[in-house]
Amino acid sequence: MIASLRGRVVHLDRSRHEALIELPSGVGYKVILNDRTMSQIDMNGETLLYTHHQYGREGDQRLIGFLTRDEVVTLETLVATPKVGPSMALSILNTYGPSELAIIVSTDDVAALCDVSGVGKTTAQRLLVEMKDKLVVDLTNPKVGRIGSADVASVGNAATDVTDALLALGYTVASARSAVKELPSDLLEEGDTGRLLKRALQYMEPGN
């Protein structure tokens, strides 16, 4: 089973969410990517894609690719959840990175999951219950940093406190969440709400 591919992406089909990656041997593989991954692909250099196998009708295999191993592990966790197929899992990971999703699950943030295309309130509530304690250690997000499973609860509590404080100051839910997502993980782990709020306010735009 192919776990990763290293080579040059020679073609991107954004309408079909497909990439063609050519290995140094000259062999090419078609890989399914979500929008988030496609936006980060470097067409001019070498790319390492971590892959997940999806089995379709009549035994057909499709490769789903990501730029981090954590995204693959999170995808596999999602598709192992009842009534969550690859399409919904890709949509979730297109909206949130693994560490963001870990925080959403740890804080039972139904509204955040409802921001994902195709996920309604009932589905979001079920997913939060199903995914409790299933997300793995060291989930990664380029902006947030590495968050271990032992830290998720404390980080989630700090993020919730700051979000609530921003809402109390009159900011919208969307802008508050956006600012909290920018907060560095080391500051979140310290849990100093005052410092976190001061930093979050720096990310807020006037009128939001």
C-alpha atoms as a PDB file:
ATOM      1  CA  MET A   1       0.000   0.000   0.000  1.00  0.00           C
ATOM      2  CA  ILE A   2       1.336   3.441  -0.945  1.00  0.00           C
ATOM      3  CA  ALA A   3       1.775   5.614   2.162  1.00  0.00           C
ATOM      4  CA  SER A   4       3.523   8.570   0.521  1.00  0.00           C
ATOM      5  CA  LEU A   5       4.677   9.926  -2.826  1.00  0.00           C
ATOM      6  CA  ARG A   6       7.637  12.214  -3.435  1.00  0.00           C
ATOM      7  CA  GLY A   7       7.953  13.882  -6.808  1.00  0.00           C
ATOM      8  CA  ARG A   8       6.909  16.845  -8.921  1.00  0.00           C
ATOM      9  CA  VAL A   9       3.288  17.865  -9.377  1.00  0.00           C
ATOM     10  CA  VAL A  10       2.995  18.319 -13.137  1.00  0.00           C
ATOM     11  CA  HIS A  11      -0.735  18.985 -13.378  1.00  0.00           C
ATOM     12  CA  LEU A  12      -3.523  20.286 -11.145  1.00  0.00           C
ATOM     13  CA  ASP A  13      -7.181  19.941 -12.106  1.00  0.00           C
ATOM     14  CA  ARG A  14      -8.931  22.233  -9.642  1.00  0.00           C
ATOM     15  CA  SER A  15     -12.418  21.437 -10.927  1.00  0.00           C
ATOM     16  CA  ARG A  16     -11.912  17.706 -10.272  1.00  0.00           C
ATOM     17  CA  HIS A  17      -9.668  18.202  -7.221  1.00  0.00           C
ATOM     18  CA  GLU A  18      -6.994  16.027  -8.797  1.00  0.00           C
ATOM     19  CA  ALA A  19      -3.230  16.291  -9.076  1.00  0.00           C
ATOM     20  CA  LEU A  20      -0.797  14.315 -11.194  1.00  0.00           C
ATOM     21  CA  ILE A  21       2.473  13.742  -9.357  1.00  0.00           C
ATOM     22  CA  GLU A  22       5.407  12.371 -11.335  1.00  0.00           C
ATOM     23  CA  LEU A  23       8.057  10.425  -9.437  1.00  0.00           C
ATOM     24  CA  PRO A  24      11.784  10.547 -10.337  1.00  0.00           C
ATOM     25  CA  SER A  25      11.307   7.126 -11.963  1.00  0.00           C
ATOM     26  CA  GLY A  26       8.898   8.696 -14.448  1.00  0.00           C
ATOM     27  CA  VAL A  27       5.839   6.925 -13.040  1.00  0.00           C
ATOM     28  CA  GLY A  28       2.866   9.216 -12.470  1.00  0.00           C
ATOM     29  CA  TYR A  29       0.083   8.928  -9.897  1.00  0.00           C
ATOM     30  CA  LYS A  30      -3.274  10.652  -9.835  1.00  0.00           C
ATOM     31  CA  VAL A  31      -4.104  11.934  -6.338  1.00  0.00           C
ATOM     32  CA  ILE A  32      -7.282  13.509  -4.936  1.00  0.00           C
ATOM     33  CA  LEU A  33      -6.641  16.765  -3.035  1.00  0.00           C
ATOM     34  CA  ASN A  34      -8.912  19.155  -1.187  1.00  0.00           C
ATOM     35  CA  ASP A  35      -8.806  22.920  -1.792  1.00  0.00           C
ATOM     36  CA  ARG A  36      -6.617  23.606   1.240  1.00  0.00           C
ATOM     37  CA  THR A  37      -3.926  21.194   0.053  1.00  0.00           C
ATOM     38  CA  MET A  38      -4.135  22.326  -3.573  1.00  0.00           C
ATOM     39  CA  SER A  39      -3.537  25.932  -2.551  1.00  0.00           C
ATOM     40  CA  GLN A  40      -0.232  24.931  -0.916  1.00  0.00           C
ATOM     41  CA  ILE A  41       1.181  22.836  -3.760  1.00  0.00           C
ATOM     42  CA  ASP A  42       4.473  24.078  -5.220  1.00  0.00           C
ATOM     43  CA  MET A  43       4.397  23.398  -8.960  1.00  0.00           C
ATOM     44  CA  ASN A  44       8.047  24.407  -9.327  1.00  0.00           C
ATOM     45  CA  GLY A  45       9.651  22.108  -6.789  1.00  0.00           C
ATOM     46  CA  GLU A  46       9.489  18.660  -5.251  1.00  0.00           C
ATOM     47  CA  THR A  47       6.384  17.736  -3.263  1.00  0.00           C
ATOM     48  CA  LEU A  48       5.914  15.066  -0.606  1.00  0.00           C
ATOM     49  CA  LEU A  49       2.330  13.848  -0.338  1.00  0.00           C
ATOM     50  CA  TYR A  50       1.105  11.527   2.408  1.00  0.00           C
ATOM     51  CA  THR A  51      -1.676   9.351   1.078  1.00  0.00           C
ATOM     52  CA  HIS A  52      -4.787   7.444   2.076  1.00  0.00           C
ATOM     53  CA  HIS A  53      -6.368   4.716  -0.063  1.00  0.00           C
ATOM     54  CA  GLN A  54     -10.057   4.971  -0.845  1.00  0.00           C
ATOM     55  CA  TYR A  55     -11.699   1.926  -2.355  1.00  0.00           C
ATOM     56  CA  GLY A  56     -14.466   2.723  -4.825  1.00  0.00           C
ATOM     57  CA  ARG A  57     -16.875   0.654  -6.838  1.00  0.00           C
ATOM     58  CA  GLU A  58     -15.668  -2.599  -8.387  1.00  0.00           C
ATOM     59  CA  GLY A  59     -12.469  -2.471  -6.364  1.00  0.00           C
ATOM     60  CA  ASP A  60     -11.191   0.765  -7.895  1.00  0.00           C
ATOM     61  CA  GLN A  61      -8.594   2.526  -5.765  1.00  0.00           C
ATOM     62  CA  ARG A  62      -8.112   6.267  -5.399  1.00  0.00           C
ATOM     63  CA  LEU A  63      -5.331   8.010  -3.547  1.00  0.00           C
ATOM     64  CA  ILE A  64      -6.189  10.980  -1.340  1.00  0.00           C
ATOM     65  CA  GLY A  65      -3.188  13.181  -0.610  1.00  0.00           C
ATOM     66  CA  PHE A  66      -2.144  15.677   2.062  1.00  0.00           C
ATOM     67  CA  LEU A  67       1.017  17.594   2.877  1.00  0.00           C
ATOM     68  CA  THR A  68       1.175  16.337   6.483  1.00  0.00           C
ATOM     69  CA  ARG A  69       0.882  12.902   8.024  1.00  0.00           C
ATOM     70  CA  ASP A  70      -1.401  14.314  10.730  1.00  0.00           C
ATOM     71  CA  GLU A  71      -4.018  15.187   8.110  1.00  0.00           C
ATOM     72  CA  VAL A  72      -4.018  11.603   6.834  1.00  0.00           C
ATOM     73  CA  VAL A  73      -4.424  10.232  10.365  1.00  0.00           C
ATOM     74  CA  THR A  74      -7.280  12.661  11.007  1.00  0.00           C
ATOM     75  CA  LEU A  75      -8.938  11.695   7.712  1.00  0.00           C
ATOM     76  CA  GLU A  76      -8.712   8.019   8.677  1.00  0.00           C
ATOM     77  CA  THR A  77     -10.233   8.831  12.069  1.00  0.00           C
ATOM     78  CA  LEU A  78     -13.089  10.668  10.382  1.00  0.00           C
ATOM     79  CA  VAL A  79     -13.898   8.002   7.786  1.00  0.00           C
ATOM     80  CA  ALA A  80     -13.903   5.374  10.554  1.00  0.00           C
ATOM     81  CA  THR A  81     -16.749   7.331  12.149  1.00  0.00           C
ATOM     82  CA  PRO A  82     -20.235   6.010  11.272  1.00  0.00           C
ATOM     83  CA  LYS A  83     -21.928   7.820   8.368  1.00  0.00           C
ATOM     84  CA  VAL A  84     -18.814   9.857   7.514  1.00  0.00           C
ATOM     85  CA  GLY A  85     -17.524   9.165   4.022  1.00  0.00           C
ATOM     86  CA  PRO A  86     -14.381  10.474   2.312  1.00  0.00           C
ATOM     87  CA  SER A  87     -16.257  13.426   0.793  1.00  0.00           C
ATOM     88  CA  MET A  88     -17.452  14.743   4.155  1.00  0.00           C
ATOM     89  CA  ALA A  89     -14.061  14.051   5.755  1.00  0.00           C
ATOM     90  CA  LEU A  90     -12.309  16.013   2.996  1.00  0.00           C
ATOM     91  CA  SER A  91     -14.782  18.857   3.417  1.00  0.00           C
ATOM     92  CA  ILE A  92     -14.093  19.000   7.162  1.00  0.00           C
ATOM     93  CA  LEU A  93     -10.323  19.040   6.599  1.00  0.00           C
ATOM     94  CA  ASN A  94     -10.796  21.659   3.910  1.00  0.00           C
ATOM     95  CA  THR A  95     -12.311  23.946   6.551  1.00  0.00           C
ATOM     96  CA  TYR A  96     -10.205  23.048   9.597  1.00  0.00           C
ATOM     97  CA  GLY A  97      -6.719  21.696  10.140  1.00  0.00           C
ATOM     98  CA  PRO A  98      -6.214  18.742  12.515  1.00  0.00           C
ATOM     99  CA  SER A  99      -5.377  20.814  15.600  1.00  0.00           C
ATOM    100  CA  GLU A 100      -8.292  23.179  14.962  1.00  0.00           C
ATOM    101  CA  LEU A 101     -10.588  20.161  14.707  1.00  0.00           C
ATOM    102  CA  ALA A 102      -9.172  18.750  17.958  1.00  0.00           C
ATOM    103  CA  ILE A 103     -10.047  21.992  19.742  1.00  0.00           C
ATOM    104  CA  ILE A 104     -13.545  22.026  18.211  1.00  0.00           C
ATOM    105  CA  VAL A 105     -14.167  18.470  19.417  1.00  0.00           C
ATOM    106  CA  SER A 106     -12.738  19.102  22.888  1.00  0.00           C
ATOM    107  CA  THR A 107     -14.967  22.165  23.350  1.00  0.00           C
ATOM    108  CA  ASP A 108     -18.117  20.653  21.765  1.00  0.00           C
ATOM    109  CA  ASP A 109     -18.273  23.542  19.307  1.00  0.00           C
ATOM    110  CA  VAL A 110     -21.343  22.577  17.270  1.00  0.00           C
ATOM    111  CA  ALA A 111     -21.496  25.947  15.509  1.00  0.00           C
ATOM    112  CA  ALA A 112     -17.934  25.597  14.207  1.00  0.00           C
ATOM    113  CA  LEU A 113     -18.663  22.193  12.658  1.00  0.00           C
ATOM    114  CA  CYS A 114     -21.821  23.603  11.091  1.00  0.00           C
ATOM    115  CA  ASP A 115     -19.560  25.983   9.150  1.00  0.00           C
ATOM    116  CA  VAL A 116     -18.416  22.952   7.137  1.00  0.00           C
ATOM    117  CA  SER A 117     -20.264  22.547   3.850  1.00  0.00           C
ATOM    118  CA  GLY A 118     -22.740  19.669   4.088  1.00  0.00           C
ATOM    119  CA  VAL A 119     -22.682  19.423   7.893  1.00  0.00           C
ATOM    120  CA  GLY A 120     -25.912  20.371   9.671  1.00  0.00           C
ATOM    121  CA  LYS A 121     -26.579  20.730  13.388  1.00  0.00           C
ATOM    122  CA  THR A 122     -27.691  17.122  13.917  1.00  0.00           C
ATOM    123  CA  THR A 123     -24.679  15.740  12.052  1.00  0.00           C
ATOM    124  CA  ALA A 124     -22.333  18.083  13.924  1.00  0.00           C
ATOM    125  CA  GLN A 125     -23.692  16.974  17.303  1.00  0.00           C
ATOM    126  CA  ARG A 126     -23.305  13.316  16.354  1.00  0.00           C
ATOM    127  CA  LEU A 127     -19.751  13.848  15.091  1.00  0.00           C
ATOM    128  CA  LEU A 128     -18.703  15.557  18.316  1.00  0.00           C
ATOM    129  CA  VAL A 129     -19.952  12.581  20.323  1.00  0.00           C
ATOM    130  CA  GLU A 130     -18.408  10.002  17.984  1.00  0.00           C
ATOM    131  CA  MET A 131     -14.992  11.682  17.790  1.00  0.00           C
ATOM    132  CA  LYS A 132     -14.464  12.262  21.501  1.00  0.00           C
ATOM    133  CA  ASP A 133     -11.084  10.798  22.554  1.00  0.00           C
ATOM    134  CA  LYS A 134     -10.397   9.566  19.006  1.00  0.00           C
ATOM    135  CA  LEU A 135      -8.129  12.331  17.748  1.00  0.00           C
ATOM    136  CA  VAL A 136      -4.456  11.411  17.981  1.00  0.00           C
ATOM    137  CA  VAL A 137      -1.482  12.963  19.745  1.00  0.00           C
ATOM    138  CA  ASP A 138       0.483  15.723  17.999  1.00  0.00           C
ATOM    139  CA  LEU A 139      -2.162  17.025  15.649  1.00  0.00           C
ATOM    140  CA  THR A 140      -0.564  19.745  13.552  1.00  0.00           C
ATOM    141  CA  ASN A 141      -1.600  23.079  12.153  1.00  0.00           C
ATOM    142  CA  PRO A 142       1.003  25.361  10.526  1.00  0.00           C
ATOM    143  CA  LYS A 143      -0.304  28.430  12.371  1.00  0.00           C
ATOM    144  CA  VAL A 144      -1.193  26.877  15.707  1.00  0.00           C
ATOM    145  CA  GLY A 145       1.706  24.463  16.185  1.00  0.00           C
ATOM    146  CA  ARG A 146       1.834  20.960  17.680  1.00  0.00           C
ATOM    147  CA  ILE A 147      -0.793  20.086  20.276  1.00  0.00           C
ATOM    148  CA  GLY A 148      -0.669  16.778  22.134  1.00  0.00           C
ATOM    149  CA  SER A 149      -3.796  14.966  23.328  1.00  0.00           C
ATOM    150  CA  ALA A 150      -2.991  15.794  26.962  1.00  0.00           C
ATOM    151  CA  ASP A 151      -2.967  19.491  26.081  1.00  0.00           C
ATOM    152  CA  VAL A 152      -6.118  19.643  23.962  1.00  0.00           C
ATOM    153  CA  ALA A 153      -8.534  20.164  26.863  1.00  0.00           C
ATOM    154  CA  SER A 154      -6.547  23.012  28.446  1.00  0.00           C
ATOM    155  CA  VAL A 155      -5.928  24.641  25.074  1.00  0.00           C
ATOM    156  CA  GLY A 156      -9.609  24.282  24.222  1.00  0.00           C
ATOM    157  CA  ASN A 157     -10.655  25.897  27.520  1.00  0.00           C
ATOM    158  CA  ALA A 158      -8.322  28.844  26.938  1.00  0.00           C
ATOM    159  CA  ALA A 159      -9.601  29.285  23.384  1.00  0.00           C
ATOM    160  CA  THR A 160     -13.196  29.199  24.618  1.00  0.00           C
ATOM    161  CA  ASP A 161     -12.488  31.800  27.324  1.00  0.00           C
ATOM    162  CA  VAL A 162     -10.940  34.189  24.808  1.00  0.00           C
ATOM    163  CA  THR A 163     -13.771  33.658  22.323  1.00  0.00           C
ATOM    164  CA  ASP A 164     -16.343  34.406  25.030  1.00  0.00           C
ATOM    165  CA  ALA A 165     -14.436  37.545  26.034  1.00  0.00           C
ATOM    166  CA  LEU A 166     -14.369  38.795  22.440  1.00  0.00           C
ATOM    167  CA  LEU A 167     -18.095  38.157  22.066  1.00  0.00           C
ATOM    168  CA  ALA A 168     -18.724  40.089  25.281  1.00  0.00           C
ATOM    169  CA  LEU A 169     -16.809  42.998  23.748  1.00  0.00           C
ATOM    170  CA  GLY A 170     -19.241  43.008  20.839  1.00  0.00           C
ATOM    171  CA  TYR A 171     -17.254  41.189  18.161  1.00  0.00           C
ATOM    172  CA  THR A 172     -19.008  38.728  15.853  1.00  0.00           C
ATOM    173  CA  VAL A 173     -18.689  34.968  16.278  1.00  0.00           C
ATOM    174  CA  ALA A 174     -16.877  34.628  12.942  1.00  0.00           C
ATOM    175  CA  SER A 175     -14.297  37.327  13.683  1.00  0.00           C
ATOM    176  CA  ALA A 176     -13.730  36.029  17.228  1.00  0.00           C
ATOM    177  CA  ARG A 177     -13.052  32.498  15.959  1.00  0.00           C
ATOM    178  CA  SER A 178     -10.766  33.840  13.254  1.00  0.00           C
ATOM    179  CA  ALA A 179      -8.684  35.748  15.804  1.00  0.00           C
ATOM    180  CA  VAL A 180      -8.469  32.774  18.184  1.00  0.00           C
ATOM    181  CA  LYS A 181      -7.219  30.539  15.355  1.00  0.00           C
ATOM    182  CA  GLU A 182      -4.248  32.891  14.940  1.00  0.00           C
ATOM    183  CA  LEU A 183      -3.133  32.518  18.567  1.00  0.00           C
ATOM    184  CA  PRO A 184       0.148  30.579  18.974  1.00  0.00           C
ATOM    185  CA  SER A 185      -0.063  27.216  20.749  1.00  0.00           C
ATOM    186  CA  ASP A 186       2.528  28.061  23.413  1.00  0.00           C
ATOM    187  CA  LEU A 187       0.429  31.035  24.526  1.00  0.00           C
ATOM    188  CA  LEU A 188      -2.741  28.927  24.530  1.00  0.00           C
ATOM    189  CA  GLU A 189      -1.040  26.264  26.636  1.00  0.00           C
ATOM    190  CA  GLU A 190      -0.068  28.882  29.235  1.00  0.00           C
ATOM    191  CA  GLY A 191      -3.767  29.677  29.577  1.00  0.00           C
ATOM    192  CA  ASP A 192      -3.292  33.336  30.564  1.00  0.00           C
ATOM    193  CA  THR A 193      -6.624  34.749  29.372  1.00  0.00           C
ATOM    194  CA  GLY A 194      -5.481  38.353  29.763  1.00  0.00           C
ATOM    195  CA  ARG A 195      -2.435  37.885  27.535  1.00  0.00           C
ATOM    196  CA  LEU A 196      -4.435  35.816  25.068  1.00  0.00           C
ATOM    197  CA  LEU A 197      -7.172  38.431  24.823  1.00  0.00           C
ATOM    198  CA  LYS A 198      -4.621  41.206  24.296  1.00  0.00           C
ATOM    199  CA  ARG A 199      -2.993  39.215  21.481  1.00  0.00           C
ATOM    200  CA  ALA A 200      -6.348  38.291  19.921  1.00  0.00           C
ATOM    201  CA  LEU A 201      -7.394  41.942  19.838  1.00  0.00           C
ATOM    202  CA  GLN A 202      -4.352  42.654  17.676  1.00  0.00           C
ATOM    203  CA  TYR A 203      -5.834  40.370  15.021  1.00  0.00           C
ATOM    204  CA  MET A 204      -9.253  42.009  15.045  1.00  0.00           C
ATOM    205  CA  GLU A 205     -10.206  44.394  12.267  1.00  0.00           C
ATOM    206  CA  PRO A 206     -12.180  47.569  13.032  1.00  0.00           C
ATOM    207  CA  GLY A 207     -15.914  47.073  12.604  1.00  0.00           C
ATOM    208  CA  ASN A 208     -15.826  43.310  13.211  1.00  0.00           C
END
